[in-house]
Amino acid sequence: MYIHLGMGVVVREEDVIGIFDMENTTVSEKMRDFLRRAQQDNLVEDVCYDLPRSVVVCRDFVCGQRVYITQVAPTTLLRRSRVELRGVPFKGV
C-alpha cells in the first residue's frame, strides 16, 4: 500500500518510520537538530507549496532514510494508511 504525501509524491506504507506534527515536534531541540542534520546530508524533501504541517521519516535503501516535509496533516496521513494502534485500526479524530 502507498501513502500520498502531496505534490505527486507517494511512499510505501511499510517504509514509513514515523509521522510527526510539525508544530509540536519542532519545539523540541532534538527534533530541530535531527532536521538540521538531515538537511545538511540532503535527506530532506519539501513536498508542500503551503505551510508545512507534517514531517514524515521514511526508510530509504540508498541513503538509509529520507525526510519529507508536507502540508498534509498527520491525522490525514494516518487515515490514508492502514495503521493499527494497539491492534485496533486507526479511525482518526
N, C-alpha and C. Protein backbone atom coordinates (compact mmCIF):
# COMPACT_ATOMS: atom_id res chain seq x y z
N MET A 1 0.83 -1.17 0.00
CA MET A 1 0.00 0.00 0.00
C MET A 1 0.89 1.25 0.00
N TYR A 2 0.39 2.32 -0.53
CA TYR A 2 1.14 3.58 -0.64
C TYR A 2 0.40 4.71 0.05
N ILE A 3 1.16 5.72 0.48
CA ILE A 3 0.59 6.90 1.12
C ILE A 3 0.99 8.11 0.28
N HIS A 4 0.01 8.91 -0.13
CA HIS A 4 0.27 10.12 -0.90
C HIS A 4 0.62 11.24 0.07
N LEU A 5 1.81 11.85 -0.11
CA LEU A 5 2.27 12.92 0.78
C LEU A 5 1.98 14.31 0.25
N GLY A 6 1.64 14.41 -1.02
CA GLY A 6 1.39 15.71 -1.65
C GLY A 6 2.32 15.93 -2.82
N MET A 7 1.90 16.78 -3.73
CA MET A 7 2.66 17.16 -4.93
C MET A 7 3.15 15.93 -5.72
N GLY A 8 2.31 14.90 -5.78
CA GLY A 8 2.63 13.72 -6.57
C GLY A 8 3.62 12.77 -5.93
N VAL A 9 3.98 12.99 -4.69
CA VAL A 9 4.94 12.11 -4.02
C VAL A 9 4.19 11.06 -3.21
N VAL A 10 4.53 9.81 -3.45
CA VAL A 10 3.96 8.70 -2.69
C VAL A 10 5.09 7.88 -2.10
N VAL A 11 4.84 7.30 -0.95
CA VAL A 11 5.82 6.42 -0.30
C VAL A 11 5.13 5.11 0.05
N ARG A 12 5.94 4.06 0.12
CA ARG A 12 5.38 2.77 0.52
C ARG A 12 5.07 2.82 2.01
N GLU A 13 3.91 2.33 2.36
CA GLU A 13 3.46 2.35 3.75
C GLU A 13 4.45 1.66 4.68
N GLU A 14 5.03 0.56 4.24
CA GLU A 14 5.96 -0.19 5.09
C GLU A 14 7.31 0.51 5.26
N ASP A 15 7.60 1.55 4.47
CA ASP A 15 8.84 2.30 4.60
C ASP A 15 8.72 3.48 5.56
N VAL A 16 7.51 3.79 6.01
CA VAL A 16 7.30 4.92 6.92
C VAL A 16 7.78 4.53 8.32
N ILE A 17 8.71 5.33 8.84
CA ILE A 17 9.22 5.12 10.20
C ILE A 17 8.40 5.93 11.19
N GLY A 18 8.05 7.16 10.82
CA GLY A 18 7.27 7.99 11.72
C GLY A 18 6.62 9.16 11.02
N ILE A 19 5.47 9.57 11.54
CA ILE A 19 4.74 10.74 11.06
C ILE A 19 4.62 11.69 12.24
N PHE A 20 5.14 12.90 12.09
CA PHE A 20 5.20 13.84 13.21
C PHE A 20 4.51 15.15 12.86
N ASP A 21 3.84 15.72 13.84
CA ASP A 21 3.19 17.02 13.70
C ASP A 21 4.28 18.09 13.74
N MET A 22 4.39 18.88 12.71
CA MET A 22 5.44 19.89 12.58
C MET A 22 5.37 20.91 13.72
N GLU A 23 4.18 21.33 14.07
CA GLU A 23 4.01 22.37 15.09
C GLU A 23 4.49 21.89 16.46
N ASN A 24 4.19 20.66 16.81
CA ASN A 24 4.55 20.14 18.12
C ASN A 24 5.99 19.67 18.21
N THR A 25 6.50 19.05 17.17
CA THR A 25 7.83 18.45 17.25
C THR A 25 8.96 19.44 17.05
N THR A 26 8.75 20.53 16.33
CA THR A 26 9.84 21.47 16.11
C THR A 26 10.13 22.31 17.35
N VAL A 27 9.31 22.18 18.37
CA VAL A 27 9.59 22.83 19.64
C VAL A 27 10.76 22.12 20.34
N SER A 28 10.88 20.83 20.10
CA SER A 28 11.93 20.02 20.71
C SER A 28 13.28 20.32 20.07
N GLU A 29 14.28 20.51 20.91
CA GLU A 29 15.63 20.78 20.39
C GLU A 29 16.19 19.56 19.66
N LYS A 30 15.85 18.36 20.13
CA LYS A 30 16.33 17.13 19.47
C LYS A 30 15.77 17.02 18.04
N MET A 31 14.51 17.36 17.89
CA MET A 31 13.90 17.28 16.56
C MET A 31 14.49 18.35 15.64
N ARG A 32 14.73 19.54 16.15
CA ARG A 32 15.35 20.58 15.33
C ARG A 32 16.75 20.15 14.90
N ASP A 33 17.50 19.53 15.81
CA ASP A 33 18.83 19.02 15.46
C ASP A 33 18.74 17.92 14.41
N PHE A 34 17.77 17.02 14.57
CA PHE A 34 17.57 15.94 13.60
C PHE A 34 17.28 16.51 12.21
N LEU A 35 16.36 17.48 12.15
CA LEU A 35 16.01 18.10 10.86
C LEU A 35 17.19 18.85 10.26
N ARG A 36 17.96 19.53 11.10
CA ARG A 36 19.13 20.27 10.62
C ARG A 36 20.18 19.31 10.03
N ARG A 37 20.45 18.20 10.74
CA ARG A 37 21.42 17.22 10.23
C ARG A 37 20.91 16.55 8.95
N ALA A 38 19.63 16.25 8.90
CA ALA A 38 19.06 15.64 7.70
C ALA A 38 19.16 16.60 6.51
N GLN A 39 18.93 17.87 6.76
CA GLN A 39 19.03 18.86 5.69
C GLN A 39 20.48 19.01 5.22
N GLN A 40 21.44 19.00 6.14
CA GLN A 40 22.85 19.08 5.77
C GLN A 40 23.28 17.88 4.93
N ASP A 41 22.69 16.72 5.21
CA ASP A 41 23.00 15.49 4.46
C ASP A 41 22.16 15.33 3.21
N ASN A 42 21.38 16.36 2.86
CA ASN A 42 20.49 16.34 1.67
C ASN A 42 19.48 15.19 1.71
N LEU A 43 18.92 14.95 2.87
CA LEU A 43 17.93 13.89 3.03
C LEU A 43 16.51 14.43 3.13
N VAL A 44 16.35 15.75 3.13
CA VAL A 44 15.03 16.37 3.28
C VAL A 44 14.46 16.72 1.92
N GLU A 45 13.21 16.33 1.74
CA GLU A 45 12.49 16.68 0.50
C GLU A 45 11.23 17.44 0.87
N ASP A 46 11.12 18.66 0.38
CA ASP A 46 9.98 19.51 0.66
C ASP A 46 8.90 19.23 -0.38
N VAL A 47 7.78 18.68 0.06
CA VAL A 47 6.70 18.35 -0.87
C VAL A 47 5.44 19.15 -0.54
N CYS A 48 5.63 20.43 -0.23
CA CYS A 48 4.47 21.27 0.05
C CYS A 48 4.64 22.63 -0.59
N TYR A 49 3.54 23.21 -0.98
CA TYR A 49 3.54 24.55 -1.55
C TYR A 49 2.85 25.53 -0.61
N ASP A 50 2.43 25.03 0.54
CA ASP A 50 1.75 25.84 1.55
C ASP A 50 2.50 25.67 2.86
N LEU A 51 1.93 26.07 3.96
CA LEU A 51 2.56 25.92 5.27
C LEU A 51 2.76 24.44 5.59
N PRO A 52 3.95 24.05 6.04
CA PRO A 52 4.20 22.64 6.38
C PRO A 52 3.44 22.23 7.63
N ARG A 53 2.88 21.02 7.61
CA ARG A 53 2.12 20.53 8.76
C ARG A 53 2.70 19.25 9.34
N SER A 54 3.42 18.47 8.52
CA SER A 54 3.92 17.18 8.97
C SER A 54 5.35 16.93 8.53
N VAL A 55 6.03 16.11 9.33
CA VAL A 55 7.34 15.59 8.98
C VAL A 55 7.17 14.08 8.90
N VAL A 56 7.53 13.50 7.76
CA VAL A 56 7.41 12.06 7.58
C VAL A 56 8.82 11.50 7.36
N VAL A 57 9.23 10.61 8.25
CA VAL A 57 10.54 9.97 8.15
C VAL A 57 10.34 8.59 7.56
N CYS A 58 11.07 8.31 6.47
CA CYS A 58 10.92 7.05 5.76
C CYS A 58 12.27 6.35 5.60
N ARG A 59 12.20 5.05 5.48
CA ARG A 59 13.35 4.22 5.15
C ARG A 59 13.68 4.44 3.69
N ASP A 60 14.95 4.54 3.39
CA ASP A 60 15.40 4.66 2.00
C ASP A 60 16.58 3.71 1.84
N PHE A 61 16.50 2.81 0.88
CA PHE A 61 17.51 1.79 0.74
C PHE A 61 18.82 2.32 0.16
N VAL A 62 18.81 3.51 -0.40
CA VAL A 62 20.04 4.09 -0.96
C VAL A 62 20.83 4.82 0.12
N CYS A 63 20.17 5.72 0.86
CA CYS A 63 20.89 6.55 1.84
C CYS A 63 20.45 6.29 3.28
N GLY A 64 19.65 5.29 3.54
CA GLY A 64 19.25 4.96 4.90
C GLY A 64 17.91 5.52 5.30
N GLN A 65 17.71 6.82 5.09
CA GLN A 65 16.42 7.41 5.41
C GLN A 65 16.18 8.65 4.56
N ARG A 66 14.93 9.03 4.49
CA ARG A 66 14.51 10.21 3.74
C ARG A 66 13.48 10.92 4.61
N VAL A 67 13.55 12.25 4.66
CA VAL A 67 12.63 13.05 5.47
C VAL A 67 11.81 13.92 4.53
N TYR A 68 10.50 13.81 4.64
CA TYR A 68 9.60 14.60 3.80
C TYR A 68 8.90 15.65 4.67
N ILE A 69 8.84 16.87 4.17
CA ILE A 69 8.09 17.94 4.81
C ILE A 69 6.85 18.14 3.94
N THR A 70 5.67 17.97 4.53
CA THR A 70 4.44 18.02 3.75
C THR A 70 3.39 18.90 4.42
N GLN A 71 2.47 19.39 3.62
CA GLN A 71 1.39 20.24 4.13
C GLN A 71 0.20 19.42 4.61
N VAL A 72 0.23 18.12 4.42
CA VAL A 72 -0.88 17.25 4.83
C VAL A 72 -0.79 17.01 6.34
N ALA A 73 -1.91 17.12 7.01
CA ALA A 73 -1.95 16.94 8.47
C ALA A 73 -1.60 15.50 8.85
N PRO A 74 -0.97 15.31 10.01
CA PRO A 74 -0.61 13.96 10.45
C PRO A 74 -1.80 13.01 10.55
N THR A 75 -2.93 13.49 11.03
CA THR A 75 -4.10 12.61 11.14
C THR A 75 -4.60 12.17 9.76
N THR A 76 -4.50 13.04 8.77
CA THR A 76 -4.88 12.68 7.41
C THR A 76 -3.94 11.61 6.86
N LEU A 77 -2.65 11.76 7.11
CA LEU A 77 -1.68 10.76 6.65
C LEU A 77 -1.93 9.42 7.32
N LEU A 78 -2.27 9.44 8.60
CA LEU A 78 -2.57 8.20 9.30
C LEU A 78 -3.83 7.55 8.74
N ARG A 79 -4.83 8.36 8.41
CA ARG A 79 -6.06 7.82 7.81
C ARG A 79 -5.79 7.21 6.44
N ARG A 80 -4.84 7.78 5.70
CA ARG A 80 -4.51 7.26 4.38
C ARG A 80 -3.78 5.92 4.46
N SER A 81 -3.21 5.64 5.61
CA SER A 81 -2.50 4.38 5.78
C SER A 81 -3.43 3.35 6.42
N ARG A 82 -2.94 2.14 6.50
CA ARG A 82 -3.73 1.09 7.15
C ARG A 82 -3.19 0.85 8.54
N VAL A 83 -2.81 1.89 9.24
CA VAL A 83 -2.15 1.78 10.53
C VAL A 83 -3.10 1.24 11.60
N GLU A 84 -2.52 0.48 12.53
CA GLU A 84 -3.27 0.00 13.67
C GLU A 84 -2.60 0.50 14.93
N LEU A 85 -3.39 0.95 15.88
CA LEU A 85 -2.88 1.37 17.17
C LEU A 85 -3.34 0.36 18.21
N ARG A 86 -2.39 -0.36 18.79
CA ARG A 86 -2.68 -1.40 19.76
C ARG A 86 -3.65 -2.44 19.20
N GLY A 87 -3.46 -2.80 17.94
CA GLY A 87 -4.28 -3.84 17.32
C GLY A 87 -5.63 -3.38 16.81
N VAL A 88 -5.94 -2.09 17.01
CA VAL A 88 -7.24 -1.55 16.55
C VAL A 88 -6.98 -0.60 15.39
N PRO A 89 -7.68 -0.76 14.26
CA PRO A 89 -7.48 0.15 13.12
C PRO A 89 -7.70 1.60 13.52
N PHE A 90 -6.82 2.50 13.08
CA PHE A 90 -6.91 3.91 13.39
C PHE A 90 -8.03 4.54 12.57
N LYS A 91 -8.97 5.22 13.24
CA LYS A 91 -10.11 5.84 12.57
C LYS A 91 -9.95 7.35 12.46
N GLY A 92 -8.95 7.93 13.11
CA GLY A 92 -8.78 9.37 13.09
C GLY A 92 -9.58 10.04 14.18
N VAL A 93 -9.41 11.35 14.25
CA VAL A 93 -10.06 12.11 15.31
C VAL A 93 -11.31 12.77 14.78
